[in-house]
PDB file of N, CA and C in Angstrom:
ATOM      1  N   UNK A   1      -1.898 -35.546 -12.050  1.00  0.00           N
ATOM      2  CA  UNK A   1      -2.487 -34.239 -11.823  1.00  0.00           C
ATOM      3  C   UNK A   1      -2.524 -33.923 -10.344  1.00  0.00           C
ATOM      4  N   UNK A   2      -2.137 -32.700  -9.994  1.00  0.00           N
ATOM      5  CA  UNK A   2      -2.159 -32.285  -8.604  1.00  0.00           C
ATOM      6  C   UNK A   2      -3.496 -31.651  -8.257  1.00  0.00           C
ATOM      7  N   UNK A   3      -3.729 -31.531  -6.986  1.00  0.00           N
ATOM      8  CA  UNK A   3      -4.950 -30.891  -6.539  1.00  0.00           C
ATOM      9  C   UNK A   3      -4.805 -29.378  -6.616  1.00  0.00           C
ATOM     10  N   UNK A   4      -5.845 -28.738  -7.110  1.00  0.00           N
ATOM     11  CA  UNK A   4      -5.834 -27.270  -7.170  1.00  0.00           C
ATOM     12  C   UNK A   4      -6.172 -26.729  -5.788  1.00  0.00           C
ATOM     13  N   UNK A   5      -5.497 -25.686  -5.405  1.00  0.00           N
ATOM     14  CA  UNK A   5      -5.735 -25.095  -4.090  1.00  0.00           C
ATOM     15  C   UNK A   5      -6.858 -24.068  -4.225  1.00  0.00           C
ATOM     16  N   UNK A   6      -7.891 -24.228  -3.453  1.00  0.00           N
ATOM     17  CA  UNK A   6      -9.009 -23.285  -3.519  1.00  0.00           C
ATOM     18  C   UNK A   6      -8.726 -22.097  -2.615  1.00  0.00           C
ATOM     19  N   UNK A   7      -9.328 -20.934  -2.900  1.00  0.00           N
ATOM     20  CA  UNK A   7      -9.080 -19.755  -2.072  1.00  0.00           C
ATOM     21  C   UNK A   7      -9.457 -19.969  -0.604  1.00  0.00           C
ATOM     22  N   UNK A   8     -10.428 -20.842  -0.338  1.00  0.00           N
ATOM     23  CA  UNK A   8     -10.848 -21.087   1.038  1.00  0.00           C
ATOM     24  C   UNK A   8      -9.744 -21.812   1.807  1.00  0.00           C
ATOM     25  N   UNK A   9      -9.035 -22.727   1.128  1.00  0.00           N
ATOM     26  CA  UNK A   9      -7.996 -23.512   1.778  1.00  0.00           C
ATOM     27  C   UNK A   9      -6.654 -22.784   1.846  1.00  0.00           C
ATOM     28  N   UNK A  10      -6.517 -21.671   1.107  1.00  0.00           N
ATOM     29  CA  UNK A  10      -5.218 -21.008   1.062  1.00  0.00           C
ATOM     30  C   UNK A  10      -4.918 -20.328   2.396  1.00  0.00           C
ATOM     31  N   UNK A  11      -3.662 -20.370   2.812  1.00  0.00           N
ATOM     32  CA  UNK A  11      -3.292 -19.756   4.084  1.00  0.00           C
ATOM     33  C   UNK A  11      -3.300 -18.231   3.988  1.00  0.00           C
ATOM     34  N   UNK A  12      -3.397 -17.613   5.138  1.00  0.00           N
ATOM     35  CA  UNK A  12      -3.333 -16.152   5.193  1.00  0.00           C
ATOM     36  C   UNK A  12      -1.892 -15.704   5.010  1.00  0.00           C
ATOM     37  N   UNK A  13      -1.741 -14.484   4.504  1.00  0.00           N
ATOM     38  CA  UNK A  13      -0.421 -13.871   4.403  1.00  0.00           C
ATOM     39  C   UNK A  13      -0.373 -12.712   5.394  1.00  0.00           C
ATOM     40  N   UNK A  14       0.805 -12.460   5.923  1.00  0.00           N
ATOM     41  CA  UNK A  14       1.011 -11.351   6.853  1.00  0.00           C
ATOM     42  C   UNK A  14       1.725 -10.237   6.086  1.00  0.00           C
ATOM     43  N   UNK A  15       1.169  -9.026   6.133  1.00  0.00           N
ATOM     44  CA  UNK A  15       1.797  -7.880   5.486  1.00  0.00           C
ATOM     45  C   UNK A  15       1.847  -6.723   6.471  1.00  0.00           C
ATOM     46  N   UNK A  16       2.708  -5.776   6.188  1.00  0.00           N
ATOM     47  CA  UNK A  16       2.825  -4.580   7.018  1.00  0.00           C
ATOM     48  C   UNK A  16       2.583  -3.378   6.122  1.00  0.00           C
ATOM     49  N   UNK A  17       1.784  -2.450   6.597  1.00  0.00           N
ATOM     50  CA  UNK A  17       1.486  -1.246   5.855  1.00  0.00           C
ATOM     51  C   UNK A  17       2.071  -0.057   6.613  1.00  0.00           C
ATOM     52  N   UNK A  18       2.928   0.715   5.953  1.00  0.00           N
ATOM     53  CA  UNK A  18       3.534   1.902   6.559  1.00  0.00           C
ATOM     54  C   UNK A  18       3.003   3.117   5.821  1.00  0.00           C
ATOM     55  N   UNK A  19       2.416   4.043   6.563  1.00  0.00           N
ATOM     56  CA  UNK A  19       1.853   5.234   5.935  1.00  0.00           C
ATOM     57  C   UNK A  19       2.464   6.481   6.568  1.00  0.00           C
ATOM     58  N   UNK A  20       2.962   7.386   5.710  1.00  0.00           N
ATOM     59  CA  UNK A  20       3.523   8.653   6.170  1.00  0.00           C
ATOM     60  C   UNK A  20       2.417   9.682   6.271  1.00  0.00           C
ATOM     61  N   UNK A  21       1.916   9.898   7.481  1.00  0.00           N
ATOM     62  CA  UNK A  21       0.787  10.806   7.672  1.00  0.00           C
ATOM     63  C   UNK A  21       1.202  12.270   7.659  1.00  0.00           C
ATOM     64  N   UNK A  22       2.372  12.565   8.167  1.00  0.00           N
ATOM     65  CA  UNK A  22       2.895  13.932   8.228  1.00  0.00           C
ATOM     66  C   UNK A  22       4.418  13.814   8.241  1.00  0.00           C
ATOM     67  N   UNK A  23       5.123  14.930   8.080  1.00  0.00           N
ATOM     68  CA  UNK A  23       6.583  14.839   8.151  1.00  0.00           C
ATOM     69  C   UNK A  23       7.032  14.199   9.466  1.00  0.00           C
ATOM     70  N   UNK A  24       7.882  13.200   9.357  1.00  0.00           N
ATOM     71  CA  UNK A  24       8.438  12.452  10.498  1.00  0.00           C
ATOM     72  C   UNK A  24       7.377  11.730  11.333  1.00  0.00           C
ATOM     73  N   UNK A  25       6.233  11.439  10.743  1.00  0.00           N
ATOM     74  CA  UNK A  25       5.183  10.690  11.442  1.00  0.00           C
ATOM     75  C   UNK A  25       4.742   9.520  10.564  1.00  0.00           C
ATOM     76  N   UNK A  26       5.093   8.321  10.985  1.00  0.00           N
ATOM     77  CA  UNK A  26       4.767   7.114  10.224  1.00  0.00           C
ATOM     78  C   UNK A  26       3.936   6.197  11.095  1.00  0.00           C
ATOM     79  N   UNK A  27       2.852   5.687  10.545  1.00  0.00           N
ATOM     80  CA  UNK A  27       2.014   4.729  11.257  1.00  0.00           C
ATOM     81  C   UNK A  27       2.222   3.362  10.613  1.00  0.00           C
ATOM     82  N   UNK A  28       2.487   2.347  11.434  1.00  0.00           N
ATOM     83  CA  UNK A  28       2.657   0.971  10.962  1.00  0.00           C
ATOM     84  C   UNK A  28       1.424   0.163  11.325  1.00  0.00           C
ATOM     85  N   UNK A  29       0.909  -0.571  10.349  1.00  0.00           N
ATOM     86  CA  UNK A  29      -0.269  -1.410  10.562  1.00  0.00           C
ATOM     87  C   UNK A  29       0.070  -2.803  10.056  1.00  0.00           C
ATOM     88  N   UNK A  30      -0.117  -3.797  10.906  1.00  0.00           N
ATOM     89  CA  UNK A  30       0.096  -5.194  10.497  1.00  0.00           C
ATOM     90  C   UNK A  30      -1.255  -5.798  10.151  1.00  0.00           C
ATOM     91  N   UNK A  31      -1.287  -6.495   9.021  1.00  0.00           N
ATOM     92  CA  UNK A  31      -2.530  -7.080   8.535  1.00  0.00           C
ATOM     93  C   UNK A  31      -2.341  -8.555   8.222  1.00  0.00           C
ATOM     94  N   UNK A  32      -3.394  -9.308   8.400  1.00  0.00           N
ATOM     95  CA  UNK A  32      -3.444 -10.704   7.976  1.00  0.00           C
ATOM     96  C   UNK A  32      -4.516 -10.768   6.894  1.00  0.00           C
ATOM     97  N   UNK A  33      -4.121 -11.125   5.690  1.00  0.00           N
ATOM     98  CA  UNK A  33      -5.018 -11.129   4.538  1.00  0.00           C
ATOM     99  C   UNK A  33      -5.029 -12.496   3.879  1.00  0.00           C
ATOM    100  N   UNK A  34      -6.089 -12.812   3.154  1.00  0.00           N
ATOM    101  CA  UNK A  34      -6.090 -14.078   2.411  1.00  0.00           C
ATOM    102  C   UNK A  34      -5.055 -14.037   1.290  1.00  0.00           C
ATOM    103  N   UNK A  35      -4.473 -15.171   0.977  1.00  0.00           N
ATOM    104  CA  UNK A  35      -3.514 -15.251  -0.126  1.00  0.00           C
ATOM    105  C   UNK A  35      -4.195 -14.764  -1.395  1.00  0.00           C
ATOM    106  N   UNK A  36      -3.460 -14.059  -2.220  1.00  0.00           N
ATOM    107  CA  UNK A  36      -4.016 -13.514  -3.456  1.00  0.00           C
ATOM    108  C   UNK A  36      -4.563 -12.096  -3.292  1.00  0.00           C
ATOM    109  N   UNK A  37      -4.445 -11.519  -2.091  1.00  0.00           N
ATOM    110  CA  UNK A  37      -4.925 -10.162  -1.859  1.00  0.00           C
ATOM    111  C   UNK A  37      -4.032  -9.151  -2.577  1.00  0.00           C
ATOM    112  N   UNK A  38      -4.616  -8.008  -2.890  1.00  0.00           N
ATOM    113  CA  UNK A  38      -3.891  -6.955  -3.593  1.00  0.00           C
ATOM    114  C   UNK A  38      -3.597  -5.786  -2.659  1.00  0.00           C
ATOM    115  N   UNK A  39      -2.821  -4.848  -3.161  1.00  0.00           N
ATOM    116  CA  UNK A  39      -2.531  -3.629  -2.404  1.00  0.00           C
ATOM    117  C   UNK A  39      -3.844  -2.922  -2.072  1.00  0.00           C
ATOM    118  N   UNK A  40      -4.748  -2.840  -3.017  1.00  0.00           N
ATOM    119  CA  UNK A  40      -6.058  -2.199  -2.794  1.00  0.00           C
ATOM    120  C   UNK A  40      -6.805  -2.895  -1.658  1.00  0.00           C
ATOM    121  N   UNK A  41      -6.782  -4.236  -1.638  1.00  0.00           N
ATOM    122  CA  UNK A  41      -7.443  -4.986  -0.563  1.00  0.00           C
ATOM    123  C   UNK A  41      -6.848  -4.611   0.796  1.00  0.00           C
ATOM    124  N   UNK A  42      -5.521  -4.465   0.856  1.00  0.00           N
ATOM    125  CA  UNK A  42      -4.859  -4.117   2.114  1.00  0.00           C
ATOM    126  C   UNK A  42      -5.266  -2.721   2.574  1.00  0.00           C
ATOM    127  N   UNK A  43      -5.364  -1.781   1.629  1.00  0.00           N
ATOM    128  CA  UNK A  43      -5.772  -0.418   1.989  1.00  0.00           C
ATOM    129  C   UNK A  43      -7.201  -0.390   2.512  1.00  0.00           C
ATOM    130  N   UNK A  44      -8.076  -1.143   1.884  1.00  0.00           N
ATOM    131  CA  UNK A  44      -9.473  -1.195   2.336  1.00  0.00           C
ATOM    132  C   UNK A  44      -9.554  -1.851   3.707  1.00  0.00           C
ATOM    133  N   UNK A  45      -8.849  -2.967   3.884  1.00  0.00           N
ATOM    134  CA  UNK A  45      -8.863  -3.707   5.156  1.00  0.00           C
ATOM    135  C   UNK A  45      -8.283  -2.875   6.301  1.00  0.00           C
ATOM    136  N   UNK A  46      -7.294  -2.040   6.013  1.00  0.00           N
ATOM    137  CA  UNK A  46      -6.652  -1.239   7.062  1.00  0.00           C
ATOM    138  C   UNK A  46      -7.551  -0.129   7.584  1.00  0.00           C
ATOM    139  N   UNK A  47      -8.523   0.301   6.793  1.00  0.00           N
ATOM    140  CA  UNK A  47      -9.399   1.391   7.200  1.00  0.00           C
ATOM    141  C   UNK A  47      -8.820   2.770   6.921  1.00  0.00           C
ATOM    142  N   UNK A  48      -7.640   2.832   6.303  1.00  0.00           N
ATOM    143  CA  UNK A  48      -6.997   4.120   6.042  1.00  0.00           C
ATOM    144  C   UNK A  48      -7.765   4.967   5.030  1.00  0.00           C
ATOM    145  N   UNK A  49      -8.406   4.322   4.051  1.00  0.00           N
ATOM    146  CA  UNK A  49      -9.149   5.081   3.045  1.00  0.00           C
ATOM    147  C   UNK A  49     -10.286   5.878   3.674  1.00  0.00           C
ATOM    148  N   UNK A  50     -10.815   5.408   4.810  1.00  0.00           N
ATOM    149  CA  UNK A  50     -11.892   6.122   5.482  1.00  0.00           C
ATOM    150  C   UNK A  50     -11.367   7.072   6.558  1.00  0.00           C
ATOM    151  N   UNK A  51     -10.220   6.770   7.158  1.00  0.00           N
ATOM    152  CA  UNK A  51      -9.768   7.542   8.316  1.00  0.00           C
ATOM    153  C   UNK A  51      -8.768   8.655   8.003  1.00  0.00           C
ATOM    154  N   UNK A  52      -8.077   8.590   6.865  1.00  0.00           N
ATOM    155  CA  UNK A  52      -7.077   9.608   6.539  1.00  0.00           C
ATOM    156  C   UNK A  52      -7.685  10.596   5.542  1.00  0.00           C
ATOM    157  N   UNK A  53      -7.791  11.874   5.943  1.00  0.00           N
ATOM    158  CA  UNK A  53      -8.361  12.869   5.036  1.00  0.00           C
ATOM    159  C   UNK A  53      -7.524  13.003   3.763  1.00  0.00           C
ATOM    160  N   UNK A  54      -8.190  13.035   2.628  1.00  0.00           N
ATOM    161  CA  UNK A  54      -7.506  13.210   1.350  1.00  0.00           C
ATOM    162  C   UNK A  54      -6.953  11.939   0.750  1.00  0.00           C
ATOM    163  N   UNK A  55      -7.123  10.814   1.426  1.00  0.00           N
ATOM    164  CA  UNK A  55      -6.643   9.540   0.899  1.00  0.00           C
ATOM    165  C   UNK A  55      -7.821   8.738   0.391  1.00  0.00           C
ATOM    166  N   UNK A  56      -7.883   8.569  -0.909  1.00  0.00           N
ATOM    167  CA  UNK A  56      -8.917   7.745  -1.534  1.00  0.00           C
ATOM    168  C   UNK A  56      -8.394   7.261  -2.882  1.00  0.00           C
ATOM    169  N   UNK A  57      -9.193   6.503  -3.587  1.00  0.00           N
ATOM    170  CA  UNK A  57      -8.771   5.955  -4.887  1.00  0.00           C
ATOM    171  C   UNK A  57      -8.424   7.081  -5.860  1.00  0.00           C
ATOM    172  N   UNK A  58      -9.187   8.179  -5.834  1.00  0.00           N
ATOM    173  CA  UNK A  58      -8.927   9.296  -6.739  1.00  0.00           C
ATOM    174  C   UNK A  58      -7.577   9.954  -6.431  1.00  0.00           C
ATOM    175  N   UNK A  59      -7.248  10.085  -5.149  1.00  0.00           N
ATOM    176  CA  UNK A  59      -5.962  10.686  -4.750  1.00  0.00           C
ATOM    177  C   UNK A  59      -4.799   9.804  -5.195  1.00  0.00           C
ATOM    178  N   UNK A  60      -4.977   8.487  -5.122  1.00  0.00           N
ATOM    179  CA  UNK A  60      -3.931   7.568  -5.586  1.00  0.00           C
ATOM    180  C   UNK A  60      -3.741   7.701  -7.095  1.00  0.00           C
ATOM    181  N   UNK A  61      -4.860   7.778  -7.826  1.00  0.00           N
ATOM    182  CA  UNK A  61      -4.795   7.886  -9.282  1.00  0.00           C
ATOM    183  C   UNK A  61      -4.195   9.221  -9.715  1.00  0.00           C
ATOM    184  N   UNK A  62      -4.475  10.292  -8.959  1.00  0.00           N
ATOM    185  CA  UNK A  62      -3.983  11.627  -9.309  1.00  0.00           C
ATOM    186  C   UNK A  62      -2.526  11.845  -8.905  1.00  0.00           C
ATOM    187  N   UNK A  63      -1.959  10.949  -8.100  1.00  0.00           N
ATOM    188  CA  UNK A  63      -0.567  11.082  -7.694  1.00  0.00           C
ATOM    189  C   UNK A  63      -0.362  11.903  -6.430  1.00  0.00           C
ATOM    190  N   UNK A  64      -1.448  12.255  -5.738  1.00  0.00           N
ATOM    191  CA  UNK A  64      -1.282  12.979  -4.474  1.00  0.00           C
ATOM    192  C   UNK A  64      -0.752  12.049  -3.391  1.00  0.00           C
ATOM    193  N   UNK A  65      -0.920  10.759  -3.558  1.00  0.00           N
ATOM    194  CA  UNK A  65      -0.360   9.722  -2.688  1.00  0.00           C
ATOM    195  C   UNK A  65       0.288   8.684  -3.593  1.00  0.00           C
ATOM    196  N   UNK A  66       1.390   8.120  -3.156  1.00  0.00           N
ATOM    197  CA  UNK A  66       2.068   7.063  -3.912  1.00  0.00           C
ATOM    198  C   UNK A  66       2.074   5.796  -3.077  1.00  0.00           C
ATOM    199  N   UNK A  67       1.966   4.668  -3.759  1.00  0.00           N
ATOM    200  CA  UNK A  67       1.993   3.391  -3.063  1.00  0.00           C
ATOM    201  C   UNK A  67       3.100   2.532  -3.659  1.00  0.00           C
ATOM    202  N   UNK A  68       3.805   1.839  -2.776  1.00  0.00           N
ATOM    203  CA  UNK A  68       4.873   0.966  -3.217  1.00  0.00           C
ATOM    204  C   UNK A  68       4.967  -0.253  -2.328  1.00  0.00           C
ATOM    205  N   UNK A  69       5.684  -1.240  -2.799  1.00  0.00           N
ATOM    206  CA  UNK A  69       5.958  -2.446  -2.023  1.00  0.00           C
ATOM    207  C   UNK A  69       7.473  -2.575  -1.953  1.00  0.00           C
ATOM    208  N   UNK A  70       7.997  -2.553  -0.725  1.00  0.00           N
ATOM    209  CA  UNK A  70       9.437  -2.602  -0.477  1.00  0.00           C
ATOM    210  C   UNK A  70      10.174  -1.510  -1.257  1.00  0.00           C
ATOM    211  N   UNK A  71       9.636  -0.283  -1.254  1.00  0.00           N
ATOM    212  CA  UNK A  71      10.308   0.844  -1.870  1.00  0.00           C
ATOM    213  C   UNK A  71      10.178   0.932  -3.377  1.00  0.00           C
ATOM    214  N   UNK A  72       9.432   0.041  -3.963  1.00  0.00           N
ATOM    215  CA  UNK A  72       9.258   0.021  -5.410  1.00  0.00           C
ATOM    216  C   UNK A  72       7.813   0.371  -5.735  1.00  0.00           C
ATOM    217  N   UNK A  73       7.601   1.382  -6.555  1.00  0.00           N
ATOM    218  CA  UNK A  73       6.249   1.838  -6.879  1.00  0.00           C
ATOM    219  C   UNK A  73       5.446   0.699  -7.514  1.00  0.00           C
ATOM    220  N   UNK A  74       4.223   0.531  -7.006  1.00  0.00           N
ATOM    221  CA  UNK A  74       3.340  -0.519  -7.527  1.00  0.00           C
ATOM    222  C   UNK A  74       1.945   0.041  -7.747  1.00  0.00           C
ATOM    223  N   UNK A  75       1.183  -0.636  -8.550  1.00  0.00           N
ATOM    224  CA  UNK A  75      -0.208  -0.247  -8.796  1.00  0.00           C
ATOM    225  C   UNK A  75      -1.100  -0.859  -7.729  1.00  0.00           C
ATOM    226  N   UNK A  76      -2.277  -0.304  -7.496  1.00  0.00           N
ATOM    227  CA  UNK A  76      -3.168  -0.855  -6.464  1.00  0.00           C
ATOM    228  C   UNK A  76      -3.586  -2.307  -6.715  1.00  0.00           C
ATOM    229  N   UNK A  77      -3.526  -2.786  -7.944  1.00  0.00           N
ATOM    230  CA  UNK A  77      -3.904  -4.160  -8.252  1.00  0.00           C
ATOM    231  C   UNK A  77      -2.783  -5.170  -8.064  1.00  0.00           C
ATOM    232  N   UNK A  78      -1.628  -4.736  -7.577  1.00  0.00           N
ATOM    233  CA  UNK A  78      -0.481  -5.625  -7.383  1.00  0.00           C
ATOM    234  C   UNK A  78      -0.812  -6.696  -6.337  1.00  0.00           C
ATOM    235  N   UNK A  79      -0.561  -7.961  -6.670  1.00  0.00           N
ATOM    236  CA  UNK A  79      -0.835  -9.071  -5.753  1.00  0.00           C
ATOM    237  C   UNK A  79       0.293  -9.169  -4.730  1.00  0.00           C
ATOM    238  N   UNK A  80      -0.095  -9.241  -3.473  1.00  0.00           N
ATOM    239  CA  UNK A  80       0.874  -9.251  -2.373  1.00  0.00           C
ATOM    240  C   UNK A  80       1.368 -10.659  -2.062  1.00  0.00           C
ATOM    241  N   UNK A  81       2.570 -10.723  -1.484  1.00  0.00           N
ATOM    242  CA  UNK A  81       3.138 -11.976  -1.007  1.00  0.00           C
ATOM    243  C   UNK A  81       3.316 -11.894   0.502  1.00  0.00           C
ATOM    244  N   UNK A  82       3.531 -13.049   1.118  1.00  0.00           N
ATOM    245  CA  UNK A  82       3.723 -13.118   2.557  1.00  0.00           C
ATOM    246  C   UNK A  82       4.888 -12.217   2.971  1.00  0.00           C
ATOM    247  N   UNK A  83       4.704 -11.435   4.031  1.00  0.00           N
ATOM    248  CA  UNK A  83       5.687 -10.526   4.613  1.00  0.00           C
ATOM    249  C   UNK A  83       6.051  -9.333   3.733  1.00  0.00           C
ATOM    250  N   UNK A  84       5.205  -8.962   2.783  1.00  0.00           N
ATOM    251  CA  UNK A  84       5.433  -7.750   2.006  1.00  0.00           C
ATOM    252  C   UNK A  84       5.234  -6.533   2.897  1.00  0.00           C
ATOM    253  N   UNK A  85       5.928  -5.451   2.558  1.00  0.00           N
ATOM    254  CA  UNK A  85       5.767  -4.171   3.266  1.00  0.00           C
ATOM    255  C   UNK A  85       5.224  -3.169   2.251  1.00  0.00           C
ATOM    256  N   UNK A  86       4.018  -2.690   2.501  1.00  0.00           N
ATOM    257  CA  UNK A  86       3.373  -1.710   1.632  1.00  0.00           C
ATOM    258  C   UNK A  86       3.684  -0.327   2.200  1.00  0.00           C
ATOM    259  N   UNK A  87       4.135   0.573   1.350  1.00  0.00           N
ATOM    260  CA  UNK A  87       4.479   1.919   1.795  1.00  0.00           C
ATOM    261  C   UNK A  87       3.595   2.922   1.074  1.00  0.00           C
ATOM    262  N   UNK A  88       2.942   3.744   1.843  1.00  0.00           N
ATOM    263  CA  UNK A  88       2.019   4.742   1.323  1.00  0.00           C
ATOM    264  C   UNK A  88       2.536   6.113   1.749  1.00  0.00           C
ATOM    265  N   UNK A  89       2.895   6.949   0.779  1.00  0.00           N
ATOM    266  CA  UNK A  89       3.488   8.249   1.096  1.00  0.00           C
ATOM    267  C   UNK A  89       2.734   9.382   0.417  1.00  0.00           C
ATOM    268  N   UNK A  90       2.705  10.511   1.110  1.00  0.00           N
ATOM    269  CA  UNK A  90       2.063  11.708   0.563  1.00  0.00           C
ATOM    270  C   UNK A  90       2.922  12.268  -0.556  1.00  0.00           C
ATOM    271  N   UNK A  91       2.292  12.972  -1.477  1.00  0.00           N
ATOM    272  CA  UNK A  91       3.028  13.657  -2.526  1.00  0.00           C
ATOM    273  C   UNK A  91       3.777  14.848  -1.939  1.00  0.00           C
ATOM    274  N   UNK A  92       4.781  15.317  -2.640  1.00  0.00           N
ATOM    275  CA  UNK A  92       5.571  16.448  -2.168  1.00  0.00           C
ATOM    276  C   UNK A  92       4.833  17.752  -2.431  1.00  0.00           C
ATOM    277  N   UNK A  93       4.904  18.681  -1.482  1.00  0.00           N
ATOM    278  CA  UNK A  93       4.318  20.002  -1.670  1.00  0.00           C
ATOM    279  C   UNK A  93       5.257  20.909  -2.454  1.00  0.00           C
ATOM    280  N   UNK A  94       6.556  20.742  -2.241  1.00  0.00           N
ATOM    281  CA  UNK A  94       7.572  21.573  -2.881  1.00  0.00           C
ATOM    282  C   UNK A  94       8.664  20.655  -3.402  1.00  0.00           C
ATOM    283  N   UNK A  95       9.174  20.983  -4.569  1.00  0.00           N
ATOM    284  CA  UNK A  95      10.289  20.235  -5.123  1.00  0.00           C
ATOM    285  C   UNK A  95      11.493  20.388  -4.194  1.00  0.00           C
ATOM    286  N   UNK A  96      12.126  19.298  -3.756  1.00  0.00           N
ATOM    287  CA  UNK A  96      13.250  19.394  -2.816  1.00  0.00           C
ATOM    288  C   UNK A  96      14.401  20.268  -3.311  1.00  0.00           C
ATOM    289  N   UNK A  97      14.683  20.232  -4.608  1.00  0.00           N
ATOM    290  CA  UNK A  97      15.762  21.060  -5.141  1.00  0.00           C
ATOM    291  C   UNK A  97      15.418  22.545  -5.016  1.00  0.00           C
ATOM    292  N   UNK A  98      14.181  22.885  -5.305  1.00  0.00           N
ATOM    293  CA  UNK A  98      13.766  24.282  -5.196  1.00  0.00           C
ATOM    294  C   UNK A  98      13.773  24.736  -3.741  1.00  0.00           C
ATOM    295  N   UNK A  99      13.340  23.882  -2.822  1.00  0.00           N
ATOM    296  CA  UNK A  99      13.353  24.224  -1.398  1.00  0.00           C
ATOM    297  C   UNK A  99      14.787  24.477  -0.930  1.00  0.00           C
ATOM    298  N   UNK A 100      15.743  23.686  -1.407  1.00  0.00           N
ATOM    299  CA  UNK A 100      17.147  23.865  -1.048  1.00  0.00           C
ATOM    300  C   UNK A 100      17.664  25.204  -1.571  1.00  0.00           C
ATOM    301  N   UNK A 101      17.299  25.549  -2.810  1.00  0.00           N
ATOM    302  CA  UNK A 101      17.717  26.841  -3.380  1.00  0.00           C
ATOM    303  C   UNK A 101      17.179  28.007  -2.552  1.00  0.00           C
ATOM    304  N   UNK A 102      15.927  27.912  -2.143  1.00  0.00           N
ATOM    305  CA  UNK A 102      15.301  28.977  -1.352  1.00  0.00           C
ATOM    306  C   UNK A 102      16.019  29.128  -0.012  1.00  0.00           C
ATOM    307  N   UNK A 103      16.307  28.003   0.657  1.00  0.00           N
ATOM    308  CA  UNK A 103      17.031  28.069   1.934  1.00  0.00           C
ATOM    309  C   UNK A 103      18.424  28.664   1.752  1.00  0.00           C
ATOM    310  N   UNK A 104      19.097  28.279   0.694  1.00  0.00           N
ATOM    311  CA  UNK A 104      20.444  28.770   0.420  1.00  0.00           C
ATOM    312  C   UNK A 104      20.423  30.287   0.239  1.00  0.00           C
ATOM    313  N   UNK A 105      19.481  30.789  -0.557  1.00  0.00           N
ATOM    314  CA  UNK A 105      19.386  32.234  -0.780  1.00  0.00           C
ATOM    315  C   UNK A 105      19.063  32.972   0.507  1.00  0.00           C
ATOM    316  N   UNK A 106      18.202  32.396   1.347  1.00  0.00           N
ATOM    317  CA  UNK A 106      17.806  33.047   2.595  1.00  0.00           C
ATOM    318  C   UNK A 106      18.972  33.106   3.585  1.00  0.00           C
ATOM    319  N   UNK A 107      19.790  32.071   3.644  1.00  0.00           N
ATOM    320  CA  UNK A 107      20.892  32.013   4.603  1.00  0.00           C
ATOM    321  C   UNK A 107      22.163  32.655   4.072  1.00  0.00           C
ATOM    322  N   UNK A 108      22.284  32.727   2.783  1.00  0.00           N
ATOM    323  CA  UNK A 108      23.521  33.224   2.197  1.00  0.00           C
ATOM    324  C   UNK A 108      24.562  32.119   2.198  1.00  0.00           C
ATOM    325  N   UNK A 109      25.610  32.312   1.435  1.00  0.00           N
ATOM    326  CA  UNK A 109      26.664  31.302   1.356  1.00  0.00           C
ATOM    327  C   UNK A 109      27.467  31.313   2.650  1.00  0.00           C
ATOM    328  N   UNK A 110      27.660  30.133   3.221  1.00  0.00           N
ATOM    329  CA  UNK A 110      28.422  30.015   4.459  1.00  0.00           C
ATOM    330  C   UNK A 110      29.759  29.367   4.150  1.00  0.00           C
ATOM    331  N   UNK A 111      30.815  30.001   4.627  1.00  0.00           N
ATOM    332  CA  UNK A 111      32.161  29.459   4.437  1.00  0.00           C
ATOM    333  C   UNK A 111      32.668  28.903   5.755  1.00  0.00           C
ATOM    334  N   UNK A 112      33.548  27.918   5.720  1.00  0.00           N
ATOM    335  CA  UNK A 112      34.121  27.387   6.963  1.00  0.00           C
ATOM    336  C   UNK A 112      34.861  28.479   7.722  1.00  0.00           C
ATOM    337  N   UNK A 113      34.980  28.306   9.048  1.00  0.00           N
ATOM    338  CA  UNK A 113      35.670  29.291   9.895  1.00  0.00           C
ATOM    339  C   UNK A 113      37.094  29.505   9.410  1.00  0.00           C
ATOM    340  N   UNK A 114      37.528  30.758   9.455  1.00  0.00           N
ATOM    341  CA  UNK A 114      38.896  31.077   9.088  1.00  0.00           C
ATOM    342  C   UNK A 114      39.102  31.337   7.609  1.00  0.00           C
ATOM    343  N   UNK A 115      38.124  31.026   6.784  1.00  0.00           N
ATOM    344  CA  UNK A 115      38.261  31.254   5.339  1.00  0.00           C
ATOM    345  C   UNK A 115      37.442  32.494   4.993  1.00  0.00           C
ATOM    346  N   UNK A 116      38.093  33.407   4.266  1.00  0.00           N
ATOM    347  CA  UNK A 116      37.411  34.627   3.872  1.00  0.00           C
ATOM    348  C   UNK A 116      37.163  34.607   2.371  1.00  0.00           C
ATOM    349  N   UNK A 117      36.127  35.295   1.996  1.00  0.00           N
ATOM    350  CA  UNK A 117      35.798  35.427   0.587  1.00  0.00           C
ATOM    351  C   UNK A 117      36.867  36.305  -0.084  1.00  0.00           C
ATOM    352  N   UNK A 118      37.311  35.935  -1.282  1.00  0.00           N
ATOM    353  CA  UNK A 118      38.284  36.802  -1.962  1.00  0.00           C
ATOM    354  C   UNK A 118      37.629  38.137  -2.308  1.00  0.00           C
ATOM    355  N   UNK A 119      38.397  39.206  -2.179  1.00  0.00           N
ATOM    356  CA  UNK A 119      37.875  40.528  -2.486  1.00  0.00           C
ATOM    357  C   UNK A 119      37.951  40.760  -3.994  1.00  0.00           C
ATOM    358  N   UNK A 120      36.966  41.493  -4.474  1.00  0.00           N
ATOM    359  CA  UNK A 120      36.928  41.792  -5.901  1.00  0.00           C
ATOM    360  C   UNK A 120      38.026  42.813  -6.224  1.00  0.00           C
ATOM    361  N   UNK A 121      38.710  42.636  -7.350  1.00  0.00           N
ATOM    362  CA  UNK A 121      39.786  43.576  -7.714  1.00  0.00           C
ATOM    363  C   UNK A 121      39.210  44.963  -8.014  1.00  0.00           C
ATOM    364  N   UNK A 122      39.941  45.995  -7.624  1.00  0.00           N
ATOM    365  CA  UNK A 122      39.515  47.363  -7.897  1.00  0.00           C
ATOM    366  C   UNK A 122      39.922  47.736  -9.305  1.00  0.00           C
ATOM    367  N   UNK A 123      39.082  48.431  -9.935  1.00  0.00           N
ATOM    368  CA  UNK A 123      39.547  48.901 -11.214  1.00  0.00           C
ATOM    369  C   UNK A 123      38.534  49.262 -12.163  1.00  0.00           C
TER     370      UNK A 123
END
């Protein structure tokens, strides 16, 4: 029989938390947590739940913020491993496809230089 490792004796794990606060604005936070810590533990330890307006457990549950580990969506109870990267992103305000359609209509169809639109036949 081997010796069981107690939580007190377990080594710390190093994780990185990346949060998208605004478009093109990402804050990176490095944390040292006890082994067996969860995504929720990392969020609480980072202080983001208190410092970022609109970020709380209810916002995570409602989908206004998404959390993932290495680009893969995870639940707040997910147990972290050494050197995991937690990514916290805001929900989208506008569907990207719809935003593209709106921009296209506003700008009109653009053709490469030298190419003209075919004229409609008379008749």
